[in-house]
N, C-alpha and C. Protein backbone atom coordinates (compact mmCIF):
# COMPACT_ATOMS: atom_id res chain seq x y z
N MET A 1 -17.05 14.55 -16.96
CA MET A 1 -18.44 14.60 -16.57
C MET A 1 -19.34 14.71 -17.79
N LYS A 2 -18.89 15.53 -18.79
CA LYS A 2 -19.69 15.70 -19.99
C LYS A 2 -19.84 14.37 -20.73
N ALA A 3 -18.80 13.56 -20.71
CA ALA A 3 -18.84 12.27 -21.39
C ALA A 3 -19.86 11.35 -20.74
N VAL A 4 -19.95 11.39 -19.41
CA VAL A 4 -20.92 10.56 -18.69
C VAL A 4 -22.33 11.00 -19.04
N ALA A 5 -22.56 12.31 -19.09
CA ALA A 5 -23.88 12.83 -19.42
C ALA A 5 -24.26 12.45 -20.85
N ALA A 6 -23.31 12.54 -21.77
CA ALA A 6 -23.57 12.19 -23.16
C ALA A 6 -23.91 10.70 -23.29
N ALA A 7 -23.19 9.86 -22.56
CA ALA A 7 -23.45 8.42 -22.59
C ALA A 7 -24.83 8.10 -22.03
N ALA A 8 -25.21 8.77 -20.96
CA ALA A 8 -26.52 8.56 -20.36
C ALA A 8 -27.62 9.00 -21.31
N LEU A 9 -27.42 10.12 -21.98
CA LEU A 9 -28.40 10.62 -22.95
C LEU A 9 -28.55 9.64 -24.11
N ALA A 10 -27.43 9.12 -24.59
CA ALA A 10 -27.47 8.15 -25.69
C ALA A 10 -28.21 6.89 -25.28
N LEU A 11 -27.99 6.43 -24.06
CA LEU A 11 -28.70 5.24 -23.57
C LEU A 11 -30.20 5.48 -23.48
N MET A 12 -30.58 6.68 -23.02
CA MET A 12 -32.00 6.99 -22.90
C MET A 12 -32.66 7.03 -24.28
N VAL A 13 -31.95 7.61 -25.27
CA VAL A 13 -32.50 7.68 -26.61
C VAL A 13 -32.65 6.29 -27.19
N MET A 14 -31.62 5.45 -27.02
CA MET A 14 -31.65 4.10 -27.59
C MET A 14 -32.70 3.22 -26.93
N SER A 15 -32.95 3.44 -25.64
CA SER A 15 -33.91 2.59 -24.94
C SER A 15 -35.34 3.08 -25.08
N GLY A 16 -35.53 4.23 -25.70
CA GLY A 16 -36.88 4.77 -25.88
C GLY A 16 -37.40 5.45 -24.64
N SER A 17 -36.54 5.92 -23.77
CA SER A 17 -36.96 6.56 -22.53
C SER A 17 -37.57 7.95 -22.75
N PHE A 18 -37.47 8.49 -23.95
CA PHE A 18 -38.01 9.82 -24.20
C PHE A 18 -39.45 9.78 -24.70
N GLY A 19 -40.08 8.65 -24.64
CA GLY A 19 -41.49 8.56 -25.00
C GLY A 19 -41.70 7.76 -26.28
N PRO A 20 -42.92 7.37 -26.50
CA PRO A 20 -43.22 6.51 -27.64
C PRO A 20 -43.00 7.18 -28.99
N ALA A 21 -43.19 8.49 -29.11
CA ALA A 21 -43.03 9.16 -30.41
C ALA A 21 -41.60 9.04 -30.91
N LEU A 22 -40.61 9.29 -30.03
CA LEU A 22 -39.22 9.20 -30.43
C LEU A 22 -38.83 7.75 -30.71
N ALA A 23 -39.36 6.82 -29.92
CA ALA A 23 -39.05 5.41 -30.12
C ALA A 23 -39.58 4.94 -31.47
N GLU A 24 -40.79 5.42 -31.88
CA GLU A 24 -41.35 5.04 -33.18
C GLU A 24 -40.51 5.60 -34.31
N THR A 25 -40.00 6.84 -34.13
CA THR A 25 -39.17 7.47 -35.14
C THR A 25 -37.88 6.68 -35.32
N GLN A 26 -37.31 6.22 -34.21
CA GLN A 26 -36.05 5.48 -34.27
C GLN A 26 -36.26 4.10 -34.87
N ALA A 27 -37.46 3.54 -34.71
CA ALA A 27 -37.71 2.18 -35.18
C ALA A 27 -37.55 2.07 -36.69
N GLY A 28 -37.83 3.14 -37.43
CA GLY A 28 -37.72 3.09 -38.89
C GLY A 28 -36.32 3.34 -39.41
N ILE A 29 -35.37 3.68 -38.54
CA ILE A 29 -34.00 4.00 -38.97
C ILE A 29 -33.18 2.72 -38.99
N THR A 30 -32.47 2.49 -40.07
CA THR A 30 -31.56 1.34 -40.14
C THR A 30 -30.15 1.85 -40.31
N SER A 31 -29.20 1.15 -39.72
CA SER A 31 -27.80 1.55 -39.77
C SER A 31 -27.09 0.83 -40.90
N THR A 32 -26.21 1.57 -41.59
CA THR A 32 -25.39 0.96 -42.64
C THR A 32 -23.95 0.82 -42.17
N ALA A 33 -23.68 1.20 -40.92
CA ALA A 33 -22.30 1.12 -40.40
C ALA A 33 -21.94 -0.32 -40.10
N PRO A 34 -20.69 -0.72 -40.37
CA PRO A 34 -20.27 -2.09 -40.07
C PRO A 34 -20.20 -2.31 -38.56
N GLU A 35 -20.32 -3.56 -38.14
CA GLU A 35 -20.22 -3.92 -36.72
C GLU A 35 -18.81 -3.62 -36.22
N ALA A 36 -18.69 -3.07 -35.04
CA ALA A 36 -17.38 -2.79 -34.44
C ALA A 36 -16.94 -3.99 -33.61
N THR A 37 -15.65 -4.31 -33.67
CA THR A 37 -15.10 -5.39 -32.85
C THR A 37 -14.20 -4.78 -31.79
N ALA A 38 -13.78 -5.59 -30.83
CA ALA A 38 -12.93 -5.09 -29.74
C ALA A 38 -11.64 -4.49 -30.28
N SER A 39 -11.10 -5.05 -31.34
CA SER A 39 -9.83 -4.52 -31.88
C SER A 39 -10.03 -3.18 -32.57
N ASP A 40 -11.30 -2.84 -32.95
CA ASP A 40 -11.57 -1.56 -33.59
C ASP A 40 -11.68 -0.43 -32.58
N LEU A 41 -11.92 -0.78 -31.32
CA LEU A 41 -12.12 0.24 -30.30
C LEU A 41 -10.78 0.86 -29.89
N PRO A 42 -10.77 2.15 -29.57
CA PRO A 42 -9.52 2.79 -29.13
C PRO A 42 -9.10 2.26 -27.76
N ARG A 43 -7.82 2.18 -27.54
CA ARG A 43 -7.30 1.73 -26.25
C ARG A 43 -7.19 2.93 -25.33
N PHE A 44 -7.50 2.71 -24.06
CA PHE A 44 -7.37 3.78 -23.07
C PHE A 44 -5.93 3.82 -22.58
N VAL A 45 -5.30 4.96 -22.75
CA VAL A 45 -3.94 5.15 -22.26
C VAL A 45 -3.97 6.39 -21.37
N PRO A 46 -3.78 6.20 -20.05
CA PRO A 46 -3.84 7.35 -19.16
C PRO A 46 -2.72 8.34 -19.47
N SER A 47 -3.04 9.60 -19.39
CA SER A 47 -2.01 10.60 -19.62
C SER A 47 -1.59 11.16 -18.27
N VAL A 48 -0.42 10.75 -17.82
CA VAL A 48 0.11 11.19 -16.54
C VAL A 48 1.48 11.78 -16.80
N GLU A 49 1.66 12.99 -16.35
CA GLU A 49 2.97 13.61 -16.49
C GLU A 49 3.87 13.03 -15.40
N VAL A 50 4.95 12.39 -15.80
CA VAL A 50 5.84 11.77 -14.84
C VAL A 50 6.84 12.82 -14.37
N THR A 51 6.65 13.27 -13.15
CA THR A 51 7.56 14.24 -12.56
C THR A 51 8.51 13.51 -11.63
N ALA A 52 9.51 14.19 -11.15
CA ALA A 52 10.48 13.59 -10.23
C ALA A 52 9.78 13.11 -8.96
N GLU A 53 8.81 13.91 -8.45
CA GLU A 53 8.09 13.53 -7.23
C GLU A 53 7.25 12.28 -7.47
N PHE A 54 6.61 12.20 -8.64
CA PHE A 54 5.79 11.04 -8.98
C PHE A 54 6.65 9.79 -9.05
N ALA A 55 7.78 9.87 -9.75
CA ALA A 55 8.68 8.73 -9.89
C ALA A 55 9.23 8.29 -8.54
N GLU A 56 9.58 9.26 -7.69
CA GLU A 56 10.15 8.93 -6.38
C GLU A 56 9.10 8.28 -5.48
N ALA A 57 7.85 8.75 -5.57
CA ALA A 57 6.78 8.19 -4.73
C ALA A 57 6.50 6.74 -5.06
N PHE A 58 6.65 6.36 -6.33
CA PHE A 58 6.34 5.00 -6.74
C PHE A 58 7.58 4.13 -6.95
N ALA A 59 8.76 4.68 -6.67
CA ALA A 59 10.00 3.92 -6.86
C ALA A 59 10.02 2.61 -6.08
N PRO A 60 9.57 2.58 -4.81
CA PRO A 60 9.62 1.31 -4.09
C PRO A 60 8.80 0.21 -4.75
N PHE A 61 7.72 0.58 -5.44
CA PHE A 61 6.86 -0.42 -6.06
C PHE A 61 7.45 -0.94 -7.37
N ASP A 62 8.39 -0.18 -7.95
CA ASP A 62 9.02 -0.58 -9.19
C ASP A 62 10.33 -1.33 -8.95
N ASP A 63 10.79 -1.38 -7.70
CA ASP A 63 12.07 -1.99 -7.37
C ASP A 63 11.91 -3.50 -7.30
N PRO A 64 12.51 -4.26 -8.24
CA PRO A 64 12.32 -5.71 -8.23
C PRO A 64 12.99 -6.41 -7.05
N THR A 65 13.86 -5.70 -6.32
CA THR A 65 14.53 -6.34 -5.18
C THR A 65 13.65 -6.34 -3.94
N ILE A 66 12.58 -5.55 -3.95
CA ILE A 66 11.70 -5.49 -2.79
C ILE A 66 10.58 -6.51 -2.97
N VAL A 67 10.46 -7.39 -2.02
CA VAL A 67 9.44 -8.44 -2.07
C VAL A 67 8.32 -8.04 -1.12
N PRO A 68 7.06 -8.10 -1.54
CA PRO A 68 5.97 -7.75 -0.63
C PRO A 68 6.00 -8.60 0.64
N ALA A 69 5.60 -7.99 1.74
CA ALA A 69 5.60 -8.68 3.02
C ALA A 69 4.58 -9.81 3.02
N ALA A 70 4.88 -10.85 3.78
CA ALA A 70 3.94 -11.97 3.92
C ALA A 70 2.73 -11.48 4.71
N PRO A 71 1.57 -12.05 4.49
CA PRO A 71 0.39 -11.63 5.25
C PRO A 71 0.59 -11.86 6.74
N ALA A 72 -0.04 -11.01 7.52
CA ALA A 72 0.06 -11.12 8.98
C ALA A 72 -0.61 -12.40 9.44
N PRO A 73 -0.10 -12.97 10.54
CA PRO A 73 -0.74 -14.17 11.06
C PRO A 73 -2.17 -13.86 11.48
N GLU A 74 -3.01 -14.90 11.46
CA GLU A 74 -4.41 -14.72 11.85
C GLU A 74 -4.48 -14.39 13.34
N GLY A 75 -5.51 -13.72 13.71
CA GLY A 75 -5.71 -13.36 15.10
C GLY A 75 -6.10 -11.90 15.20
N ALA A 76 -6.66 -11.55 16.33
CA ALA A 76 -7.13 -10.19 16.52
C ALA A 76 -5.95 -9.25 16.70
N ALA A 77 -6.11 -8.03 16.23
CA ALA A 77 -5.08 -7.01 16.36
C ALA A 77 -5.68 -5.78 17.02
N THR A 78 -4.91 -5.14 17.89
CA THR A 78 -5.33 -3.93 18.55
C THR A 78 -4.44 -2.80 18.10
N ALA A 79 -5.04 -1.77 17.50
CA ALA A 79 -4.26 -0.62 17.05
C ALA A 79 -3.63 0.06 18.27
N ILE A 80 -2.36 0.40 18.14
CA ILE A 80 -1.66 1.15 19.19
C ILE A 80 -1.07 2.39 18.55
N ASN A 81 -0.55 3.28 19.36
CA ASN A 81 -0.05 4.55 18.85
C ASN A 81 0.99 4.36 17.75
N GLY A 82 0.72 4.95 16.60
CA GLY A 82 1.68 4.96 15.51
C GLY A 82 2.54 6.21 15.62
N GLY A 83 3.35 6.42 14.62
CA GLY A 83 4.23 7.58 14.61
C GLY A 83 5.36 7.34 13.64
N VAL A 84 6.53 7.86 13.97
CA VAL A 84 7.69 7.74 13.10
C VAL A 84 8.52 6.52 13.51
N ALA A 85 8.87 5.72 12.52
CA ALA A 85 9.73 4.55 12.73
C ALA A 85 11.07 4.81 12.07
N SER A 86 12.11 4.21 12.62
CA SER A 86 13.43 4.23 12.02
C SER A 86 13.94 2.80 12.04
N TRP A 87 15.17 2.60 11.58
CA TRP A 87 15.70 1.23 11.56
C TRP A 87 17.17 1.23 11.96
N TYR A 88 17.63 0.07 12.40
CA TYR A 88 19.05 -0.11 12.71
C TYR A 88 19.50 -1.44 12.17
N GLY A 89 20.76 -1.53 11.82
CA GLY A 89 21.19 -2.72 11.11
C GLY A 89 22.58 -3.20 11.43
N PRO A 90 23.43 -3.33 10.38
CA PRO A 90 24.72 -4.01 10.49
C PRO A 90 25.64 -3.50 11.60
N GLY A 91 25.55 -2.23 11.92
CA GLY A 91 26.42 -1.68 12.97
C GLY A 91 26.17 -2.29 14.34
N PHE A 92 24.99 -2.87 14.53
CA PHE A 92 24.64 -3.46 15.82
C PHE A 92 24.61 -4.99 15.78
N ALA A 93 24.93 -5.56 14.65
CA ALA A 93 24.88 -7.02 14.48
C ALA A 93 25.74 -7.72 15.53
N GLY A 94 25.17 -8.73 16.18
CA GLY A 94 25.90 -9.52 17.17
C GLY A 94 25.85 -8.96 18.57
N ARG A 95 25.47 -7.71 18.74
CA ARG A 95 25.38 -7.13 20.09
C ARG A 95 24.15 -7.68 20.79
N ARG A 96 24.20 -7.70 22.09
CA ARG A 96 23.07 -8.17 22.89
C ARG A 96 21.96 -7.11 22.90
N THR A 97 20.73 -7.57 22.72
CA THR A 97 19.58 -6.68 22.83
C THR A 97 19.17 -6.61 24.30
N ALA A 98 18.20 -5.77 24.60
CA ALA A 98 17.73 -5.65 25.98
C ALA A 98 17.11 -6.95 26.48
N SER A 99 16.62 -7.79 25.57
CA SER A 99 16.02 -9.07 25.98
C SER A 99 17.10 -10.14 26.22
N GLY A 100 18.35 -9.83 25.86
CA GLY A 100 19.44 -10.77 26.08
C GLY A 100 19.86 -11.54 24.84
N GLU A 101 19.05 -11.55 23.79
CA GLU A 101 19.45 -12.26 22.57
C GLU A 101 20.37 -11.39 21.72
N ARG A 102 21.08 -12.01 20.83
CA ARG A 102 21.98 -11.29 19.92
C ARG A 102 21.17 -10.68 18.78
N PHE A 103 21.49 -9.43 18.43
CA PHE A 103 20.78 -8.75 17.36
C PHE A 103 21.24 -9.27 16.00
N ASN A 104 20.26 -9.60 15.15
CA ASN A 104 20.52 -10.04 13.79
C ASN A 104 19.72 -9.12 12.86
N PRO A 105 20.38 -8.29 12.04
CA PRO A 105 19.65 -7.37 11.17
C PRO A 105 18.75 -8.07 10.15
N GLY A 106 18.96 -9.36 9.93
CA GLY A 106 18.15 -10.11 8.98
C GLY A 106 16.87 -10.67 9.57
N ASP A 107 16.70 -10.61 10.89
CA ASP A 107 15.47 -11.09 11.53
C ASP A 107 14.41 -9.99 11.52
N LEU A 108 13.16 -10.39 11.57
CA LEU A 108 12.06 -9.42 11.62
C LEU A 108 11.78 -9.07 13.07
N THR A 109 12.61 -8.18 13.61
CA THR A 109 12.51 -7.78 15.02
C THR A 109 12.45 -6.26 15.10
N ALA A 110 12.18 -5.77 16.33
CA ALA A 110 12.09 -4.33 16.53
C ALA A 110 12.34 -3.98 17.98
N ALA A 111 12.64 -2.70 18.19
CA ALA A 111 12.81 -2.16 19.53
C ALA A 111 11.64 -1.22 19.83
N HIS A 112 11.04 -1.38 21.02
CA HIS A 112 9.95 -0.51 21.45
C HIS A 112 10.19 -0.17 22.91
N ARG A 113 9.79 1.01 23.34
CA ARG A 113 10.07 1.46 24.71
C ARG A 113 9.32 0.67 25.78
N THR A 114 8.07 0.27 25.51
CA THR A 114 7.25 -0.28 26.59
C THR A 114 6.63 -1.65 26.33
N LEU A 115 6.48 -2.08 25.09
CA LEU A 115 5.83 -3.36 24.84
C LEU A 115 6.66 -4.51 25.38
N PRO A 116 6.01 -5.55 25.89
CA PRO A 116 6.75 -6.69 26.44
C PRO A 116 7.57 -7.42 25.37
N PHE A 117 8.72 -7.96 25.77
CA PHE A 117 9.53 -8.74 24.85
C PHE A 117 8.70 -9.91 24.34
N GLY A 118 8.87 -10.22 23.07
CA GLY A 118 8.13 -11.32 22.46
C GLY A 118 6.81 -10.88 21.85
N SER A 119 6.37 -9.65 22.11
CA SER A 119 5.12 -9.16 21.52
C SER A 119 5.26 -9.13 20.00
N LYS A 120 4.17 -9.45 19.31
CA LYS A 120 4.13 -9.39 17.85
C LYS A 120 3.38 -8.12 17.46
N VAL A 121 4.00 -7.33 16.60
CA VAL A 121 3.42 -6.06 16.18
C VAL A 121 3.39 -6.00 14.66
N ARG A 122 2.23 -5.62 14.10
CA ARG A 122 2.15 -5.39 12.66
C ARG A 122 2.47 -3.92 12.41
N VAL A 123 3.49 -3.69 11.60
CA VAL A 123 3.93 -2.34 11.26
C VAL A 123 3.52 -2.09 9.82
N THR A 124 2.78 -0.99 9.57
CA THR A 124 2.29 -0.69 8.23
C THR A 124 2.80 0.68 7.80
N HIS A 125 3.39 0.72 6.62
CA HIS A 125 3.91 1.97 6.03
C HIS A 125 3.49 2.01 4.57
N ASN A 126 2.73 3.01 4.18
CA ASN A 126 2.28 3.17 2.79
C ASN A 126 1.64 1.92 2.22
N GLY A 127 0.80 1.25 3.01
CA GLY A 127 0.08 0.07 2.54
C GLY A 127 0.86 -1.23 2.58
N ARG A 128 2.12 -1.19 2.98
CA ARG A 128 2.92 -2.42 3.09
C ARG A 128 3.12 -2.74 4.56
N SER A 129 2.92 -4.01 4.91
CA SER A 129 2.99 -4.41 6.32
C SER A 129 4.01 -5.50 6.55
N VAL A 130 4.50 -5.55 7.78
CA VAL A 130 5.39 -6.62 8.23
C VAL A 130 5.07 -6.87 9.70
N VAL A 131 5.18 -8.13 10.12
CA VAL A 131 4.99 -8.48 11.53
C VAL A 131 6.36 -8.66 12.14
N VAL A 132 6.61 -7.92 13.22
CA VAL A 132 7.90 -7.99 13.91
C VAL A 132 7.70 -8.48 15.33
N ARG A 133 8.78 -8.98 15.91
CA ARG A 133 8.78 -9.43 17.31
C ARG A 133 9.62 -8.43 18.10
N ILE A 134 9.08 -7.94 19.20
CA ILE A 134 9.81 -6.98 20.04
C ILE A 134 10.88 -7.73 20.84
N ASN A 135 12.15 -7.33 20.66
CA ASN A 135 13.24 -7.98 21.40
C ASN A 135 14.25 -6.98 21.97
N ASP A 136 13.94 -5.68 21.86
CA ASP A 136 14.89 -4.66 22.32
C ASP A 136 14.13 -3.44 22.81
N ARG A 137 14.83 -2.55 23.50
CA ARG A 137 14.25 -1.29 23.98
C ARG A 137 14.75 -0.16 23.09
N GLY A 138 13.93 0.84 22.94
CA GLY A 138 14.24 1.99 22.11
C GLY A 138 12.99 2.36 21.35
N PRO A 139 13.06 3.24 20.45
CA PRO A 139 14.20 4.07 20.06
C PRO A 139 14.43 5.18 21.08
N PHE A 140 15.65 5.62 21.12
CA PHE A 140 16.02 6.66 22.08
C PHE A 140 16.27 7.98 21.37
N HIS A 141 15.59 8.15 20.26
CA HIS A 141 15.63 9.39 19.50
C HIS A 141 14.25 10.01 19.60
N GLY A 142 14.17 11.26 20.00
CA GLY A 142 12.88 11.91 20.21
C GLY A 142 11.95 11.82 19.01
N GLY A 143 10.68 11.58 19.29
CA GLY A 143 9.67 11.56 18.26
C GLY A 143 9.50 10.25 17.53
N ARG A 144 10.31 9.26 17.80
CA ARG A 144 10.17 7.96 17.12
C ARG A 144 9.52 6.96 18.06
N VAL A 145 8.70 6.07 17.49
CA VAL A 145 7.96 5.13 18.32
C VAL A 145 8.49 3.71 18.25
N ILE A 146 9.21 3.37 17.17
CA ILE A 146 9.71 2.01 17.01
C ILE A 146 10.95 2.02 16.14
N ASP A 147 11.90 1.15 16.46
CA ASP A 147 13.10 0.94 15.64
C ASP A 147 13.00 -0.45 15.03
N LEU A 148 13.00 -0.53 13.72
CA LEU A 148 12.88 -1.81 13.03
C LEU A 148 14.25 -2.38 12.68
N SER A 149 14.34 -3.68 12.56
CA SER A 149 15.57 -4.29 12.04
C SER A 149 15.66 -3.94 10.55
N GLN A 150 16.85 -4.12 9.99
CA GLN A 150 17.06 -3.80 8.58
C GLN A 150 16.10 -4.59 7.68
N ALA A 151 15.91 -5.88 7.97
CA ALA A 151 15.02 -6.72 7.16
C ALA A 151 13.58 -6.22 7.21
N ALA A 152 13.11 -5.84 8.39
CA ALA A 152 11.74 -5.34 8.53
C ALA A 152 11.58 -4.01 7.80
N ALA A 153 12.59 -3.15 7.90
CA ALA A 153 12.53 -1.85 7.22
C ALA A 153 12.48 -2.04 5.71
N GLU A 154 13.20 -3.01 5.19
CA GLU A 154 13.17 -3.29 3.75
C GLU A 154 11.79 -3.75 3.31
N GLN A 155 11.13 -4.58 4.11
CA GLN A 155 9.83 -5.12 3.72
C GLN A 155 8.74 -4.07 3.66
N VAL A 156 8.83 -3.03 4.47
CA VAL A 156 7.81 -1.98 4.42
C VAL A 156 8.26 -0.77 3.62
N GLY A 157 9.48 -0.81 3.06
CA GLY A 157 9.95 0.27 2.21
C GLY A 157 10.51 1.47 2.95
N LEU A 158 11.07 1.26 4.15
CA LEU A 158 11.64 2.36 4.94
C LEU A 158 13.17 2.42 4.89
N ARG A 159 13.82 1.37 4.43
CA ARG A 159 15.27 1.33 4.53
C ARG A 159 15.93 2.48 3.80
N ARG A 160 15.50 2.72 2.57
CA ARG A 160 16.13 3.78 1.77
C ARG A 160 15.93 5.16 2.39
N ALA A 161 14.71 5.42 2.89
CA ALA A 161 14.40 6.73 3.47
C ALA A 161 15.03 6.91 4.85
N GLY A 162 15.22 5.82 5.60
CA GLY A 162 15.79 5.92 6.94
C GLY A 162 14.74 5.97 8.02
N SER A 163 13.65 6.68 7.76
CA SER A 163 12.55 6.76 8.72
C SER A 163 11.28 7.13 7.97
N GLY A 164 10.15 6.92 8.62
CA GLY A 164 8.87 7.25 8.00
C GLY A 164 7.72 6.98 8.94
N ARG A 165 6.58 7.51 8.60
CA ARG A 165 5.38 7.38 9.42
C ARG A 165 4.80 5.98 9.28
N VAL A 166 4.45 5.36 10.41
CA VAL A 166 3.90 3.99 10.42
C VAL A 166 2.67 3.92 11.31
N GLU A 167 1.88 2.88 11.07
CA GLU A 167 0.77 2.52 11.96
C GLU A 167 1.18 1.22 12.64
N LEU A 168 0.83 1.07 13.91
CA LEU A 168 1.19 -0.13 14.66
C LEU A 168 -0.08 -0.82 15.17
N ALA A 169 -0.04 -2.14 15.15
CA ALA A 169 -1.14 -2.95 15.71
C ALA A 169 -0.53 -4.11 16.48
N LEU A 170 -0.92 -4.25 17.72
CA LEU A 170 -0.45 -5.35 18.57
C LEU A 170 -1.28 -6.58 18.25
N LEU A 171 -0.62 -7.67 17.88
CA LEU A 171 -1.31 -8.90 17.51
C LEU A 171 -1.45 -9.82 18.71
N GLU A 172 -2.60 -10.47 18.80
CA GLU A 172 -2.81 -11.47 19.84
C GLU A 172 -2.33 -12.80 19.30
N THR A 173 -1.49 -13.48 20.04
CA THR A 173 -0.97 -14.76 19.57
C THR A 173 -1.48 -15.91 20.39
């Protein structure tokens, strides 16, 4: 804050905002200092103490194997109840879902207790989103609102943690 005040004061002095007497006094002063170039200016380097919590919080963003999710399809979205999401994967591969199709952990699908099969839902976790298609019922674990496929969980950064808080939006197609 002090730096901002000092910069503002310097600007006021240089622009003559303190009245004509000070501006006249400054007019007779000449500088002998050489011109500064961009390479002469100090570089700003933020000082952040990297703690284990800091590194863990930003680990998903540093992981080169995680690819950001594709943008959601155009169309209106209606926010629906968010909550805790979990994921299921290889152990269920090939089994029939409640909609009758075979489960593929590589597809962007999800299980929800009440949304109609085929519904498109945008799932957002920590600023990362993925659009999934509802093809199964669940989750049947208390307190969870949606079960994502392994691929969907990877795209929003939930696979490693196993579960996490998400926001849901029902997309109109």
